[in-house]
Protein backbone atom coordinates (compact mmCIF):
# COMPACT_ATOMS: atom_id res chain seq x y z
CA MET A 1 42.35 15.72 -38.81
CA LYS A 2 41.98 12.16 -37.49
CA LYS A 3 39.65 13.34 -34.70
CA VAL A 4 37.36 15.12 -37.17
CA THR A 5 37.18 12.03 -39.40
CA LEU A 6 36.44 9.83 -36.39
CA ILE A 7 33.64 12.21 -35.25
CA PHE A 8 32.05 12.26 -38.74
CA ALA A 9 32.29 8.48 -38.99
CA THR A 10 30.64 8.07 -35.57
CA ILE A 11 27.84 10.49 -36.48
CA SER A 12 27.20 8.77 -39.83
CA ILE A 13 27.07 5.32 -38.18
CA MET A 14 24.61 6.63 -35.58
CA LEU A 15 22.42 8.11 -38.33
CA LEU A 16 22.41 4.85 -40.28
CA ILE A 17 21.43 2.87 -37.19
CA SER A 18 18.67 5.27 -36.15
CA CYS A 19 17.13 5.68 -39.61
CA ASN A 20 16.64 1.98 -40.39
CA ASP A 21 13.07 1.02 -41.22
CA LYS A 22 11.54 -0.88 -38.36
CA LYS A 23 9.05 -3.58 -39.25
CA GLU A 24 6.09 -3.69 -36.91
CA ALA A 25 4.99 -7.09 -35.76
CA THR A 26 1.57 -8.03 -37.01
CA LYS A 27 -0.88 -8.84 -34.28
CA GLU A 28 -3.28 -11.65 -34.98
CA THR A 29 -6.43 -12.24 -33.00
CA VAL A 30 -7.14 -15.87 -32.26
CA ILE A 31 -10.72 -16.79 -31.41
CA ILE A 32 -11.30 -20.07 -29.62
CA GLU A 33 -14.88 -21.29 -29.55
CA LYS A 34 -16.06 -23.69 -26.88
CA GLU A 35 -19.46 -25.19 -26.28
CA ALA A 36 -21.30 -23.90 -23.24
CA PRO A 37 -22.15 -26.51 -20.62
CA ALA A 38 -25.73 -27.71 -20.65
CA ALA A 39 -28.05 -25.78 -18.34
CA PRO A 40 -29.47 -27.81 -15.45
CA GLU A 41 -33.07 -28.83 -15.81
CA LYS A 42 -35.70 -26.77 -14.07
CA GLY A 43 -36.91 -28.33 -10.89
CA LYS A 44 -33.59 -30.01 -10.20
CA GLU A 45 -31.43 -27.84 -8.03
CA GLU A 46 -27.81 -28.81 -7.57
CA ASN A 47 -26.24 -28.29 -4.17
CA LYS A 48 -22.91 -26.78 -5.07
CA ASN A 49 -20.15 -25.87 -2.71
CA GLY A 50 -19.26 -22.21 -2.60
CA THR A 51 -19.71 -18.83 -1.01
CA SER A 52 -22.27 -16.11 -1.71
CA LEU A 53 -22.61 -12.55 -0.49
CA SER A 54 -25.75 -10.50 -1.00
CA ILE A 55 -25.98 -6.80 -0.14
CA SER A 56 -29.27 -4.91 -0.33
CA ASN A 57 -31.17 -2.10 1.36
CA ASP A 58 -32.46 -4.60 3.93
CA GLY A 59 -28.99 -5.70 5.04
CA VAL A 60 -26.26 -8.20 4.25
CA GLU A 61 -26.56 -11.96 3.78
CA PHE A 62 -23.52 -14.23 3.72
CA SER A 63 -23.65 -17.98 3.16
CA THR A 64 -21.05 -20.64 2.53
CA LYS A 65 -21.32 -24.37 1.87
CA GLU A 66 -18.63 -27.02 1.89
CA GLY A 67 -19.87 -30.60 1.70
CA GLU A 68 -22.42 -31.14 4.46
CA ASN A 69 -21.40 -27.99 6.38
CA LYS A 70 -23.49 -24.92 5.65
CA ILE A 71 -23.18 -21.52 7.33
CA GLU A 72 -25.60 -18.64 6.84
CA VAL A 73 -25.26 -15.19 8.41
CA GLU A 74 -27.82 -12.40 7.97
CA ILE A 75 -27.34 -8.84 9.21
CA ASP A 76 -30.49 -6.73 9.04
CA ASP A 77 -30.24 -2.98 8.69
CA LYS A 78 -33.32 -1.91 10.64
CA LYS A 79 -33.15 1.63 11.85
CA LYS A 80 -35.30 2.28 14.88
């Protein structure tokens, strides 16, 4: 008789735990607005450091600039 009571008590506790209402967390979207940096004036070109890669039907062009050092590599895809 004690085993049956223990089994029913265990089952009822499990049902109470599993049937509790779960509150879903509300998700809030936060929007942060920032001003865009001013566009450089036309005619004034800034020499920025960086790397660029251009791929086209004519071939591949790779260039990199760091300070005064500038490297440009062009690979033409000319089929003869």
